[in-house]
Amino acid sequence: MGTPPRLRVDRRSVLGTIGAGVAIGLAGCLGDETMDDDQERPDSDDEGEMADDEGEMADDEDELAEPTVFPDDRGCAVCQMVAADYPDWNAQVVHADGHREYFCSAGCLAGYYPDPTAFGGPETDIEGVWVTDVETQELIDASSASFVRVTDTDHVDDIMMRNPTPFADRADAEAFVDGFDAYDTDDIITLSAFDAELAELYRGRFFVEDGDDSDDHH
């Protein structure tokens, strides 16, 4: 993944988001939705079920190639809202050592991806990334997805108000861009563009500047 600029978590923002989870759901977000019976999600019979709140260790390399079921009580690695509560938007990653993290949205994934250690993740490489296609609400391989770098909170009715919006097909991303004067094809990005700058754009309130340790005293 290279060596991105160091990101440091602002713990006050994380705690504030936990308390505001219900309010976000009432503000036009999709937090009250539950998984439909006919919605395709990963099977739950994979080996190596989550061992504890720190993630799971894979017994077989094949497990790194597939997403797992989102645990009912596992908080988003960035904002701590329960990722399973947002099946239309959630995402997950697995590291080379089998450690998995879950996210309420692609925006929180964008915050984590450049520097997992800023959110308690391991230093091992990320082996797999999955996001939810905004068109089908199915998990897709993020490495082959197209994302629209949405900057206006009114353009997509998603959780956390603003996220890089995932599409399985670039043609769908282009059609989305065509619907707004604010965007053009330069705003269609891939997973390789998930860097520290994008993390700041979408989840900047969770970070503090280097040298600012004021959050450590609250």
N, C-alpha and C. Protein backbone atom coordinates (compact mmCIF):
# COMPACT_ATOMS: atom_id res chain seq x y z
N MET A 1 0.82 -1.21 0.00
CA MET A 1 0.00 0.00 0.00
C MET A 1 0.85 1.26 0.00
N GLY A 2 2.21 1.09 0.09
CA GLY A 2 3.03 2.28 0.15
C GLY A 2 3.09 2.83 1.56
N THR A 3 3.67 4.02 1.68
CA THR A 3 3.79 4.64 2.99
C THR A 3 3.06 5.97 2.98
N PRO A 4 1.79 6.00 3.40
CA PRO A 4 1.01 7.23 3.37
C PRO A 4 1.39 8.14 4.52
N PRO A 5 1.03 9.43 4.44
CA PRO A 5 1.24 10.31 5.58
C PRO A 5 0.54 9.76 6.80
N ARG A 6 1.16 9.96 7.96
CA ARG A 6 0.61 9.39 9.20
C ARG A 6 -0.69 10.08 9.58
N LEU A 7 -1.70 9.28 9.87
CA LEU A 7 -2.98 9.79 10.31
C LEU A 7 -3.16 9.42 11.77
N ARG A 8 -3.68 10.36 12.55
CA ARG A 8 -3.91 10.10 13.96
C ARG A 8 -5.38 10.33 14.28
N VAL A 9 -5.95 9.42 15.04
CA VAL A 9 -7.38 9.46 15.32
C VAL A 9 -7.70 10.48 16.40
N ASP A 10 -8.76 11.27 16.16
CA ASP A 10 -9.31 12.16 17.18
C ASP A 10 -10.37 11.39 17.93
N ARG A 11 -10.06 10.94 19.13
CA ARG A 11 -10.98 10.06 19.87
C ARG A 11 -12.27 10.76 20.24
N ARG A 12 -12.24 12.07 20.40
CA ARG A 12 -13.47 12.79 20.73
C ARG A 12 -14.48 12.68 19.60
N SER A 13 -14.00 12.73 18.35
CA SER A 13 -14.91 12.61 17.21
C SER A 13 -15.50 11.22 17.14
N VAL A 14 -14.69 10.20 17.45
CA VAL A 14 -15.20 8.83 17.43
C VAL A 14 -16.29 8.67 18.47
N LEU A 15 -16.05 9.14 19.69
CA LEU A 15 -17.06 9.02 20.74
C LEU A 15 -18.31 9.81 20.40
N GLY A 16 -18.14 10.98 19.79
CA GLY A 16 -19.29 11.78 19.41
C GLY A 16 -20.14 11.09 18.37
N THR A 17 -19.48 10.36 17.45
CA THR A 17 -20.23 9.65 16.42
C THR A 17 -21.02 8.50 17.01
N ILE A 18 -20.45 7.81 18.00
CA ILE A 18 -21.19 6.72 18.64
C ILE A 18 -22.49 7.25 19.23
N GLY A 19 -22.41 8.39 19.92
CA GLY A 19 -23.59 8.97 20.54
C GLY A 19 -24.58 9.50 19.53
N ALA A 20 -24.09 9.85 18.35
CA ALA A 20 -24.96 10.45 17.33
C ALA A 20 -25.50 9.44 16.34
N GLY A 21 -25.22 8.16 16.56
CA GLY A 21 -25.63 7.14 15.59
C GLY A 21 -27.12 7.15 15.32
N VAL A 22 -27.93 7.25 16.36
CA VAL A 22 -29.38 7.24 16.17
C VAL A 22 -29.82 8.50 15.44
N ALA A 23 -29.24 9.64 15.81
CA ALA A 23 -29.62 10.90 15.17
C ALA A 23 -29.31 10.87 13.69
N ILE A 24 -28.18 10.27 13.31
CA ILE A 24 -27.83 10.17 11.89
C ILE A 24 -28.87 9.35 11.15
N GLY A 25 -29.33 8.27 11.77
CA GLY A 25 -30.33 7.44 11.12
C GLY A 25 -31.63 8.18 10.91
N LEU A 26 -31.97 9.11 11.81
CA LEU A 26 -33.21 9.85 11.68
C LEU A 26 -33.10 11.02 10.72
N ALA A 27 -31.89 11.35 10.32
CA ALA A 27 -31.68 12.52 9.47
C ALA A 27 -31.64 12.15 8.00
N GLY A 28 -32.43 11.19 7.61
CA GLY A 28 -32.53 10.85 6.19
C GLY A 28 -31.56 9.79 5.77
N CYS A 29 -30.84 9.17 6.74
CA CYS A 29 -29.92 8.11 6.41
C CYS A 29 -30.66 6.79 6.45
N LEU A 30 -29.95 5.71 6.15
CA LEU A 30 -30.61 4.43 6.00
C LEU A 30 -30.35 3.51 7.18
N GLY A 31 -30.11 4.07 8.36
CA GLY A 31 -29.73 3.28 9.50
C GLY A 31 -30.79 2.36 10.00
N ASP A 32 -32.10 2.61 9.74
CA ASP A 32 -33.15 1.77 10.28
C ASP A 32 -33.46 0.58 9.39
N GLU A 33 -32.79 0.51 8.22
CA GLU A 33 -33.08 -0.60 7.34
C GLU A 33 -32.40 -1.86 7.83
N THR A 34 -33.01 -2.98 7.64
CA THR A 34 -32.41 -4.26 7.96
C THR A 34 -32.25 -5.06 6.68
N MET A 35 -31.48 -6.11 6.76
CA MET A 35 -31.20 -6.90 5.57
C MET A 35 -32.45 -7.62 5.09
N ASP A 36 -32.79 -7.43 3.80
CA ASP A 36 -33.93 -8.12 3.21
C ASP A 36 -33.60 -9.59 3.06
N ASP A 37 -34.66 -10.43 3.09
CA ASP A 37 -34.45 -11.86 2.97
C ASP A 37 -33.83 -12.24 1.63
N ASP A 38 -34.18 -11.45 0.58
CA ASP A 38 -33.69 -11.81 -0.74
C ASP A 38 -32.40 -11.07 -1.09
N GLN A 39 -31.85 -10.35 -0.15
CA GLN A 39 -30.61 -9.63 -0.42
C GLN A 39 -29.44 -10.60 -0.34
N GLU A 40 -28.59 -10.62 -1.34
CA GLU A 40 -27.50 -11.55 -1.37
C GLU A 40 -26.39 -11.06 -0.46
N ARG A 41 -26.02 -11.85 0.50
CA ARG A 41 -24.93 -11.55 1.41
C ARG A 41 -24.06 -12.79 1.52
N PRO A 42 -22.87 -12.69 2.08
CA PRO A 42 -21.98 -13.84 2.16
C PRO A 42 -22.57 -14.93 3.04
N ASP A 43 -22.21 -16.19 2.71
CA ASP A 43 -22.61 -17.31 3.54
C ASP A 43 -21.89 -17.27 4.87
N SER A 44 -22.51 -17.85 5.89
CA SER A 44 -21.95 -17.78 7.23
C SER A 44 -21.20 -19.03 7.64
N ASP A 45 -20.98 -19.99 6.70
CA ASP A 45 -20.35 -21.23 7.08
C ASP A 45 -18.87 -21.27 6.75
N ASP A 46 -18.24 -20.09 6.52
CA ASP A 46 -16.81 -20.06 6.28
C ASP A 46 -16.07 -20.50 7.53
N GLU A 47 -14.89 -21.13 7.34
CA GLU A 47 -14.07 -21.48 8.48
C GLU A 47 -13.51 -20.22 9.11
N GLY A 48 -13.07 -20.37 10.33
CA GLY A 48 -12.42 -19.24 10.99
C GLY A 48 -13.35 -18.13 11.34
N GLU A 49 -14.47 -18.38 12.06
CA GLU A 49 -15.40 -17.34 12.48
C GLU A 49 -14.67 -16.35 13.38
N MET A 50 -15.18 -15.14 13.48
CA MET A 50 -14.55 -14.10 14.27
C MET A 50 -14.29 -14.57 15.69
N ALA A 51 -13.05 -14.47 16.14
CA ALA A 51 -12.67 -15.00 17.45
C ALA A 51 -13.00 -14.01 18.56
N ASP A 52 -12.83 -12.71 18.32
CA ASP A 52 -13.09 -11.72 19.35
C ASP A 52 -13.24 -10.36 18.70
N ASP A 53 -13.36 -9.30 19.51
CA ASP A 53 -13.60 -7.97 18.97
C ASP A 53 -12.39 -7.39 18.26
N GLU A 54 -11.25 -8.06 18.32
CA GLU A 54 -10.04 -7.57 17.67
C GLU A 54 -9.91 -8.08 16.24
N GLY A 55 -10.81 -8.97 15.80
CA GLY A 55 -10.73 -9.50 14.45
C GLY A 55 -10.53 -11.00 14.48
N GLU A 56 -10.44 -11.60 13.31
CA GLU A 56 -10.31 -13.04 13.23
C GLU A 56 -9.04 -13.40 12.52
N MET A 57 -8.50 -14.53 12.86
CA MET A 57 -7.29 -15.03 12.24
C MET A 57 -7.68 -16.16 11.29
N ALA A 58 -7.26 -16.09 10.05
CA ALA A 58 -7.64 -17.09 9.07
C ALA A 58 -6.82 -18.35 9.23
N ASP A 59 -7.48 -19.51 9.13
CA ASP A 59 -6.79 -20.79 9.17
C ASP A 59 -6.42 -21.24 7.76
N ASP A 60 -7.02 -20.64 6.77
CA ASP A 60 -6.83 -21.07 5.40
C ASP A 60 -6.73 -19.83 4.52
N GLU A 61 -5.77 -19.81 3.60
CA GLU A 61 -5.59 -18.64 2.75
C GLU A 61 -6.82 -18.37 1.90
N ASP A 62 -7.62 -19.41 1.62
CA ASP A 62 -8.82 -19.21 0.82
C ASP A 62 -9.80 -18.27 1.51
N GLU A 63 -9.75 -18.21 2.83
CA GLU A 63 -10.66 -17.34 3.55
C GLU A 63 -10.39 -15.87 3.26
N LEU A 64 -9.17 -15.56 2.85
CA LEU A 64 -8.83 -14.17 2.56
C LEU A 64 -9.46 -13.70 1.25
N ALA A 65 -9.96 -14.63 0.47
CA ALA A 65 -10.49 -14.27 -0.85
C ALA A 65 -11.97 -13.93 -0.83
N GLU A 66 -12.64 -14.11 0.30
CA GLU A 66 -14.07 -13.89 0.37
C GLU A 66 -14.44 -13.03 1.58
N PRO A 67 -15.52 -12.23 1.46
CA PRO A 67 -16.02 -11.50 2.63
C PRO A 67 -16.75 -12.45 3.56
N THR A 68 -16.94 -12.02 4.79
CA THR A 68 -17.69 -12.81 5.76
C THR A 68 -18.94 -12.05 6.17
N VAL A 69 -19.82 -12.74 6.88
CA VAL A 69 -21.02 -12.10 7.40
C VAL A 69 -20.64 -11.01 8.38
N PHE A 70 -21.33 -9.88 8.32
CA PHE A 70 -21.06 -8.79 9.24
C PHE A 70 -21.59 -9.15 10.63
N PRO A 71 -20.74 -9.17 11.65
CA PRO A 71 -21.21 -9.50 13.00
C PRO A 71 -22.26 -8.51 13.48
N ASP A 72 -23.26 -9.01 14.17
CA ASP A 72 -24.38 -8.18 14.59
C ASP A 72 -23.99 -7.08 15.57
N ASP A 73 -22.89 -7.28 16.29
CA ASP A 73 -22.53 -6.31 17.34
C ASP A 73 -21.16 -5.69 17.13
N ARG A 74 -20.62 -5.79 15.94
CA ARG A 74 -19.27 -5.28 15.68
C ARG A 74 -19.34 -3.85 15.18
N GLY A 75 -18.65 -2.95 15.86
CA GLY A 75 -18.64 -1.55 15.47
C GLY A 75 -17.76 -1.29 14.27
N CYS A 76 -18.13 -0.28 13.50
CA CYS A 76 -17.28 0.20 12.39
C CYS A 76 -15.91 0.57 12.95
N ALA A 77 -14.88 0.18 12.26
CA ALA A 77 -13.51 0.42 12.73
C ALA A 77 -13.18 1.89 12.85
N VAL A 78 -13.92 2.75 12.16
CA VAL A 78 -13.63 4.18 12.18
C VAL A 78 -14.59 4.94 13.09
N CYS A 79 -15.90 4.79 12.87
CA CYS A 79 -16.86 5.62 13.61
C CYS A 79 -17.57 4.87 14.74
N GLN A 80 -17.41 3.56 14.79
CA GLN A 80 -17.97 2.70 15.83
C GLN A 80 -19.48 2.46 15.73
N MET A 81 -20.15 2.99 14.71
CA MET A 81 -21.54 2.59 14.49
C MET A 81 -21.53 1.12 14.03
N VAL A 82 -22.54 0.36 14.43
CA VAL A 82 -22.57 -1.07 14.12
C VAL A 82 -22.69 -1.27 12.60
N ALA A 83 -21.67 -1.86 12.00
CA ALA A 83 -21.61 -1.97 10.54
C ALA A 83 -22.76 -2.78 9.98
N ALA A 84 -23.18 -3.83 10.70
CA ALA A 84 -24.25 -4.69 10.20
C ALA A 84 -25.59 -3.97 10.08
N ASP A 85 -25.73 -2.84 10.77
CA ASP A 85 -26.98 -2.09 10.72
C ASP A 85 -27.16 -1.33 9.41
N TYR A 86 -26.13 -1.31 8.56
CA TYR A 86 -26.16 -0.51 7.33
C TYR A 86 -25.82 -1.38 6.12
N PRO A 87 -26.63 -2.41 5.84
CA PRO A 87 -26.29 -3.35 4.76
C PRO A 87 -26.28 -2.72 3.37
N ASP A 88 -26.93 -1.58 3.19
CA ASP A 88 -26.93 -0.94 1.88
C ASP A 88 -25.66 -0.13 1.61
N TRP A 89 -24.79 -0.02 2.63
CA TRP A 89 -23.62 0.85 2.48
C TRP A 89 -22.33 0.25 3.01
N ASN A 90 -22.39 -0.86 3.76
CA ASN A 90 -21.22 -1.28 4.51
C ASN A 90 -20.09 -1.86 3.65
N ALA A 91 -18.96 -2.04 4.29
CA ALA A 91 -17.74 -2.50 3.62
C ALA A 91 -16.91 -3.29 4.61
N GLN A 92 -15.94 -4.03 4.11
CA GLN A 92 -15.04 -4.75 5.01
C GLN A 92 -13.70 -4.98 4.33
N VAL A 93 -12.68 -5.22 5.17
CA VAL A 93 -11.35 -5.56 4.68
C VAL A 93 -10.84 -6.77 5.45
N VAL A 94 -9.90 -7.48 4.85
CA VAL A 94 -9.17 -8.54 5.55
C VAL A 94 -7.69 -8.33 5.29
N HIS A 95 -6.91 -8.46 6.36
CA HIS A 95 -5.46 -8.32 6.26
C HIS A 95 -4.81 -9.67 5.98
N ALA A 96 -3.53 -9.64 5.64
CA ALA A 96 -2.81 -10.85 5.30
C ALA A 96 -2.76 -11.84 6.46
N ASP A 97 -2.85 -11.34 7.68
CA ASP A 97 -2.82 -12.23 8.85
C ASP A 97 -4.21 -12.73 9.24
N GLY A 98 -5.22 -12.41 8.43
CA GLY A 98 -6.57 -12.86 8.71
C GLY A 98 -7.40 -11.89 9.52
N HIS A 99 -6.82 -10.80 9.98
CA HIS A 99 -7.56 -9.81 10.77
C HIS A 99 -8.57 -9.10 9.85
N ARG A 100 -9.83 -9.05 10.29
CA ARG A 100 -10.87 -8.38 9.52
C ARG A 100 -11.36 -7.14 10.27
N GLU A 101 -11.72 -6.15 9.48
CA GLU A 101 -12.38 -4.96 10.01
C GLU A 101 -13.62 -4.70 9.17
N TYR A 102 -14.63 -4.12 9.82
CA TYR A 102 -15.92 -3.87 9.20
C TYR A 102 -16.23 -2.38 9.28
N PHE A 103 -16.96 -1.87 8.30
CA PHE A 103 -17.23 -0.45 8.19
C PHE A 103 -18.71 -0.22 7.86
N CYS A 104 -19.25 0.86 8.39
CA CYS A 104 -20.63 1.20 8.08
C CYS A 104 -20.77 1.67 6.64
N SER A 105 -19.68 2.15 6.04
CA SER A 105 -19.78 2.80 4.73
C SER A 105 -18.42 2.84 4.05
N ALA A 106 -18.45 3.16 2.75
CA ALA A 106 -17.21 3.29 1.99
C ALA A 106 -16.39 4.49 2.46
N GLY A 107 -17.06 5.50 3.04
CA GLY A 107 -16.32 6.65 3.55
C GLY A 107 -15.45 6.29 4.73
N CYS A 108 -15.96 5.44 5.62
CA CYS A 108 -15.15 5.00 6.75
C CYS A 108 -14.04 4.06 6.28
N LEU A 109 -14.33 3.24 5.27
CA LEU A 109 -13.27 2.45 4.64
C LEU A 109 -12.17 3.36 4.12
N ALA A 110 -12.57 4.47 3.48
CA ALA A 110 -11.59 5.42 2.95
C ALA A 110 -10.73 6.01 4.05
N GLY A 111 -11.32 6.19 5.25
CA GLY A 111 -10.54 6.70 6.37
C GLY A 111 -9.52 5.70 6.87
N TYR A 112 -9.87 4.43 6.84
CA TYR A 112 -9.02 3.36 7.38
C TYR A 112 -7.93 2.92 6.41
N TYR A 113 -8.27 2.84 5.15
CA TYR A 113 -7.44 2.16 4.16
C TYR A 113 -6.00 2.69 4.06
N PRO A 114 -5.75 4.00 4.08
CA PRO A 114 -4.37 4.47 3.93
C PRO A 114 -3.48 4.14 5.11
N ASP A 115 -4.05 4.03 6.31
CA ASP A 115 -3.25 3.80 7.51
C ASP A 115 -4.07 3.05 8.55
N PRO A 116 -4.20 1.74 8.39
CA PRO A 116 -5.01 0.96 9.33
C PRO A 116 -4.58 1.11 10.78
N THR A 117 -3.29 1.30 11.02
CA THR A 117 -2.82 1.38 12.40
C THR A 117 -3.39 2.58 13.14
N ALA A 118 -3.83 3.60 12.41
CA ALA A 118 -4.44 4.77 13.06
C ALA A 118 -5.73 4.40 13.75
N PHE A 119 -6.34 3.29 13.33
CA PHE A 119 -7.59 2.83 13.93
C PHE A 119 -7.43 1.47 14.61
N GLY A 120 -6.22 1.17 15.02
CA GLY A 120 -5.98 -0.07 15.76
C GLY A 120 -5.80 -1.29 14.89
N GLY A 121 -5.72 -1.11 13.57
CA GLY A 121 -5.52 -2.23 12.68
C GLY A 121 -4.06 -2.67 12.66
N PRO A 122 -3.79 -3.85 12.12
CA PRO A 122 -2.41 -4.36 12.08
C PRO A 122 -1.60 -3.69 10.98
N GLU A 123 -0.29 -3.89 11.04
CA GLU A 123 0.60 -3.34 10.01
C GLU A 123 0.69 -4.25 8.79
N THR A 124 0.10 -5.42 8.85
CA THR A 124 0.15 -6.34 7.72
C THR A 124 -0.66 -5.80 6.54
N ASP A 125 -0.30 -6.23 5.35
CA ASP A 125 -0.97 -5.75 4.14
C ASP A 125 -2.46 -6.10 4.15
N ILE A 126 -3.24 -5.26 3.48
CA ILE A 126 -4.65 -5.57 3.25
C ILE A 126 -4.73 -6.47 2.02
N GLU A 127 -5.35 -7.64 2.20
CA GLU A 127 -5.43 -8.63 1.13
C GLU A 127 -6.75 -8.57 0.36
N GLY A 128 -7.82 -8.15 1.01
CA GLY A 128 -9.12 -8.12 0.35
C GLY A 128 -9.95 -6.95 0.84
N VAL A 129 -10.70 -6.34 -0.07
CA VAL A 129 -11.57 -5.21 0.26
C VAL A 129 -12.89 -5.39 -0.47
N TRP A 130 -14.00 -5.21 0.26
CA TRP A 130 -15.32 -5.32 -0.35
C TRP A 130 -16.18 -4.13 0.04
N VAL A 131 -16.95 -3.65 -0.91
CA VAL A 131 -17.86 -2.53 -0.68
C VAL A 131 -19.23 -2.91 -1.22
N THR A 132 -20.24 -2.13 -0.86
CA THR A 132 -21.59 -2.41 -1.31
C THR A 132 -21.94 -1.54 -2.53
N ASP A 133 -22.27 -2.21 -3.61
CA ASP A 133 -22.64 -1.52 -4.84
C ASP A 133 -23.91 -0.71 -4.60
N VAL A 134 -23.87 0.58 -4.90
CA VAL A 134 -25.02 1.44 -4.63
C VAL A 134 -26.23 1.08 -5.50
N GLU A 135 -26.01 0.42 -6.62
CA GLU A 135 -27.11 0.05 -7.51
C GLU A 135 -27.82 -1.22 -7.06
N THR A 136 -27.05 -2.22 -6.63
CA THR A 136 -27.64 -3.53 -6.31
C THR A 136 -27.67 -3.83 -4.82
N GLN A 137 -26.96 -3.05 -4.02
CA GLN A 137 -26.80 -3.29 -2.59
C GLN A 137 -26.18 -4.66 -2.31
N GLU A 138 -25.33 -5.13 -3.20
CA GLU A 138 -24.59 -6.37 -3.02
C GLU A 138 -23.11 -6.05 -2.79
N LEU A 139 -22.46 -6.89 -1.99
CA LEU A 139 -21.02 -6.72 -1.78
C LEU A 139 -20.27 -7.05 -3.06
N ILE A 140 -19.32 -6.21 -3.41
CA ILE A 140 -18.50 -6.40 -4.60
C ILE A 140 -17.04 -6.22 -4.23
N ASP A 141 -16.17 -6.74 -5.06
CA ASP A 141 -14.73 -6.58 -4.88
C ASP A 141 -14.36 -5.12 -5.16
N ALA A 142 -13.86 -4.45 -4.12
CA ALA A 142 -13.56 -3.02 -4.27
C ALA A 142 -12.41 -2.78 -5.24
N SER A 143 -11.55 -3.78 -5.45
CA SER A 143 -10.42 -3.58 -6.34
C SER A 143 -10.83 -3.43 -7.80
N SER A 144 -12.04 -3.88 -8.13
CA SER A 144 -12.54 -3.74 -9.50
C SER A 144 -13.70 -2.75 -9.59
N ALA A 145 -14.02 -2.08 -8.50
CA ALA A 145 -15.15 -1.15 -8.47
C ALA A 145 -14.73 0.24 -8.96
N SER A 146 -15.73 1.01 -9.35
CA SER A 146 -15.54 2.43 -9.65
C SER A 146 -16.26 3.23 -8.58
N PHE A 147 -15.61 4.27 -8.09
CA PHE A 147 -16.18 5.12 -7.05
C PHE A 147 -16.33 6.54 -7.58
N VAL A 148 -17.45 7.16 -7.27
CA VAL A 148 -17.61 8.58 -7.58
C VAL A 148 -17.25 9.37 -6.33
N ARG A 149 -16.36 10.31 -6.49
CA ARG A 149 -15.90 11.12 -5.36
C ARG A 149 -16.96 12.19 -5.06
N VAL A 150 -18.00 11.75 -4.38
CA VAL A 150 -19.13 12.63 -4.05
C VAL A 150 -18.69 13.64 -2.99
N THR A 151 -18.99 14.91 -3.24
CA THR A 151 -18.61 15.97 -2.30
C THR A 151 -19.79 16.73 -1.74
N ASP A 152 -20.97 16.55 -2.31
CA ASP A 152 -22.16 17.26 -1.86
C ASP A 152 -23.06 16.31 -1.09
N THR A 153 -23.44 16.69 0.12
CA THR A 153 -24.26 15.82 0.96
C THR A 153 -25.67 15.62 0.41
N ASP A 154 -26.10 16.45 -0.55
CA ASP A 154 -27.44 16.32 -1.11
C ASP A 154 -27.51 15.37 -2.31
N HIS A 155 -26.37 14.90 -2.76
CA HIS A 155 -26.35 14.14 -4.00
C HIS A 155 -26.60 12.65 -3.81
N VAL A 156 -26.34 12.13 -2.62
CA VAL A 156 -26.60 10.73 -2.32
C VAL A 156 -27.16 10.65 -0.92
N ASP A 157 -28.29 9.96 -0.76
CA ASP A 157 -28.92 9.83 0.55
C ASP A 157 -28.30 8.65 1.28
N ASP A 158 -27.05 8.81 1.71
CA ASP A 158 -26.36 7.72 2.37
C ASP A 158 -26.01 8.08 3.81
N ILE A 159 -25.54 7.08 4.55
CA ILE A 159 -25.18 7.31 5.93
C ILE A 159 -23.88 8.11 6.00
N MET A 160 -23.67 8.77 7.12
CA MET A 160 -22.50 9.62 7.34
C MET A 160 -22.47 10.78 6.35
N MET A 161 -23.58 10.96 5.61
CA MET A 161 -23.83 12.13 4.75
C MET A 161 -23.01 12.19 3.47
N ARG A 162 -21.75 11.73 3.50
CA ARG A 162 -20.91 11.89 2.31
C ARG A 162 -19.91 10.74 2.25
N ASN A 163 -19.90 10.02 1.15
CA ASN A 163 -19.02 8.88 0.96
C ASN A 163 -18.58 8.77 -0.49
N PRO A 164 -17.43 8.15 -0.76
CA PRO A 164 -17.13 7.77 -2.14
C PRO A 164 -18.12 6.69 -2.55
N THR A 165 -18.89 6.93 -3.58
CA THR A 165 -20.03 6.08 -3.90
C THR A 165 -19.61 4.95 -4.83
N PRO A 166 -19.78 3.68 -4.41
CA PRO A 166 -19.26 2.54 -5.19
C PRO A 166 -20.23 2.04 -6.26
N PHE A 167 -19.67 1.71 -7.41
CA PHE A 167 -20.42 1.09 -8.49
C PHE A 167 -19.63 -0.11 -9.00
N ALA A 168 -20.33 -1.22 -9.25
CA ALA A 168 -19.66 -2.39 -9.81
C ALA A 168 -19.23 -2.12 -11.24
N ASP A 169 -20.04 -1.37 -11.98
CA ASP A 169 -19.76 -1.08 -13.39
C ASP A 169 -19.43 0.39 -13.57
N ARG A 170 -18.36 0.66 -14.29
CA ARG A 170 -17.98 2.05 -14.53
C ARG A 170 -19.08 2.79 -15.29
N ALA A 171 -19.80 2.09 -16.16
CA ALA A 171 -20.87 2.74 -16.92
C ALA A 171 -21.91 3.33 -15.98
N ASP A 172 -22.20 2.65 -14.88
CA ASP A 172 -23.15 3.18 -13.91
C ASP A 172 -22.59 4.41 -13.21
N ALA A 173 -21.29 4.38 -12.93
CA ALA A 173 -20.65 5.55 -12.33
C ALA A 173 -20.70 6.74 -13.28
N GLU A 174 -20.48 6.49 -14.56
CA GLU A 174 -20.54 7.56 -15.54
C GLU A 174 -21.95 8.13 -15.66
N ALA A 175 -22.94 7.25 -15.59
CA ALA A 175 -24.33 7.73 -15.65
C ALA A 175 -24.66 8.59 -14.44
N PHE A 176 -24.14 8.22 -13.27
CA PHE A 176 -24.34 9.03 -12.07
C PHE A 176 -23.71 10.41 -12.24
N VAL A 177 -22.47 10.43 -12.73
CA VAL A 177 -21.75 11.69 -12.93
C VAL A 177 -22.51 12.59 -13.90
N ASP A 178 -23.07 11.99 -14.94
CA ASP A 178 -23.79 12.78 -15.95
C ASP A 178 -25.02 13.48 -15.37
N GLY A 179 -25.50 12.99 -14.23
CA GLY A 179 -26.69 13.57 -13.64
C GLY A 179 -26.43 14.80 -12.79
N PHE A 180 -25.16 15.17 -12.61
CA PHE A 180 -24.83 16.31 -11.75
C PHE A 180 -23.79 17.19 -12.44
N ASP A 181 -24.05 18.48 -12.48
CA ASP A 181 -23.08 19.41 -13.06
C ASP A 181 -21.81 19.49 -12.24
N ALA A 182 -21.89 19.10 -10.97
CA ALA A 182 -20.74 19.24 -10.07
C ALA A 182 -19.63 18.24 -10.36
N TYR A 183 -19.92 17.18 -11.13
CA TYR A 183 -18.94 16.13 -11.33
C TYR A 183 -18.65 15.91 -12.81
N ASP A 184 -17.48 15.33 -13.05
CA ASP A 184 -17.15 14.85 -14.39
C ASP A 184 -16.39 13.53 -14.24
N THR A 185 -15.91 12.98 -15.32
CA THR A 185 -15.29 11.65 -15.26
C THR A 185 -14.02 11.66 -14.42
N ASP A 186 -13.41 12.82 -14.20
CA ASP A 186 -12.24 12.87 -13.32
C ASP A 186 -12.60 12.54 -11.88
N ASP A 187 -13.88 12.62 -11.55
CA ASP A 187 -14.33 12.29 -10.20
C ASP A 187 -14.63 10.80 -10.04
N ILE A 188 -14.43 10.02 -11.08
CA ILE A 188 -14.57 8.57 -10.98
C ILE A 188 -13.19 8.00 -10.66
N ILE A 189 -13.07 7.36 -9.52
CA ILE A 189 -11.78 6.89 -9.04
C ILE A 189 -11.84 5.39 -8.76
N THR A 190 -10.68 4.81 -8.51
CA THR A 190 -10.59 3.40 -8.14
C THR A 190 -9.99 3.29 -6.73
N LEU A 191 -9.91 2.08 -6.23
CA LEU A 191 -9.40 1.85 -4.88
C LEU A 191 -8.00 2.40 -4.69
N SER A 192 -7.21 2.43 -5.75
CA SER A 192 -5.84 2.93 -5.66
C SER A 192 -5.78 4.41 -5.27
N ALA A 193 -6.89 5.13 -5.43
CA ALA A 193 -6.94 6.54 -5.07
C ALA A 193 -7.31 6.77 -3.61
N PHE A 194 -7.51 5.70 -2.85
CA PHE A 194 -7.86 5.82 -1.44
C PHE A 194 -6.59 6.11 -0.64
N ASP A 195 -6.24 7.39 -0.60
CA ASP A 195 -5.01 7.81 0.07
C ASP A 195 -5.35 8.70 1.26
N ALA A 196 -4.32 9.27 1.88
CA ALA A 196 -4.52 10.10 3.06
C ALA A 196 -5.37 11.33 2.74
N GLU A 197 -5.23 11.89 1.55
CA GLU A 197 -6.02 13.05 1.17
C GLU A 197 -7.50 12.72 1.10
N LEU A 198 -7.81 11.55 0.53
CA LEU A 198 -9.21 11.14 0.45
C LEU A 198 -9.75 10.83 1.85
N ALA A 199 -8.92 10.25 2.69
CA ALA A 199 -9.33 9.98 4.07
C ALA A 199 -9.70 11.27 4.79
N GLU A 200 -8.91 12.31 4.59
CA GLU A 200 -9.20 13.61 5.20
C GLU A 200 -10.48 14.21 4.64
N LEU A 201 -10.71 14.03 3.34
CA LEU A 201 -11.92 14.57 2.71
C LEU A 201 -13.17 13.98 3.34
N TYR A 202 -13.18 12.67 3.52
CA TYR A 202 -14.41 12.01 3.98
C TYR A 202 -14.50 11.84 5.49
N ARG A 203 -13.39 11.68 6.16
CA ARG A 203 -13.46 11.44 7.60
C ARG A 203 -12.43 12.29 8.36
N GLY A 204 -12.21 13.50 7.86
CA GLY A 204 -11.21 14.38 8.47
C GLY A 204 -11.47 14.68 9.93
N ARG A 205 -12.74 14.67 10.35
CA ARG A 205 -13.04 15.01 11.73
C ARG A 205 -12.57 13.93 12.71
N PHE A 206 -12.17 12.77 12.19
CA PHE A 206 -11.66 11.73 13.07
C PHE A 206 -10.15 11.79 13.25
N PHE A 207 -9.52 12.76 12.61
CA PHE A 207 -8.07 12.87 12.71
C PHE A 207 -7.68 14.17 13.38
N VAL A 208 -6.48 14.17 13.97
CA VAL A 208 -5.91 15.38 14.54
C VAL A 208 -4.55 15.61 13.90
N GLU A 209 -4.12 16.86 13.91
CA GLU A 209 -2.81 17.18 13.35
C GLU A 209 -1.71 16.61 14.24
N ASP A 210 -0.60 16.20 13.63
CA ASP A 210 0.55 15.76 14.42
C ASP A 210 0.97 16.86 15.38
N GLY A 211 1.23 16.48 16.62
CA GLY A 211 1.62 17.46 17.62
C GLY A 211 0.48 17.97 18.44
N ASP A 212 -0.77 17.70 18.02
CA ASP A 212 -1.93 18.11 18.79
C ASP A 212 -2.39 16.95 19.62
N ASP A 213 -2.05 16.93 20.89
CA ASP A 213 -2.38 15.82 21.77
C ASP A 213 -3.52 16.18 22.71
N SER A 214 -4.29 17.23 22.36
CA SER A 214 -5.33 17.68 23.26
C SER A 214 -6.39 16.60 23.49
N ASP A 215 -6.59 15.72 22.47
CA ASP A 215 -7.60 14.68 22.63
C ASP A 215 -7.21 13.65 23.66
N ASP A 216 -5.89 13.58 23.95
CA ASP A 216 -5.43 12.57 24.90
C ASP A 216 -5.72 12.97 26.33
N HIS A 217 -6.23 14.18 26.52
CA HIS A 217 -6.46 14.68 27.86
C HIS A 217 -7.95 14.80 28.17
N HIS A 218 -8.80 14.15 27.35
CA HIS A 218 -10.25 14.24 27.56
C HIS A 218 -10.82 12.85 27.70
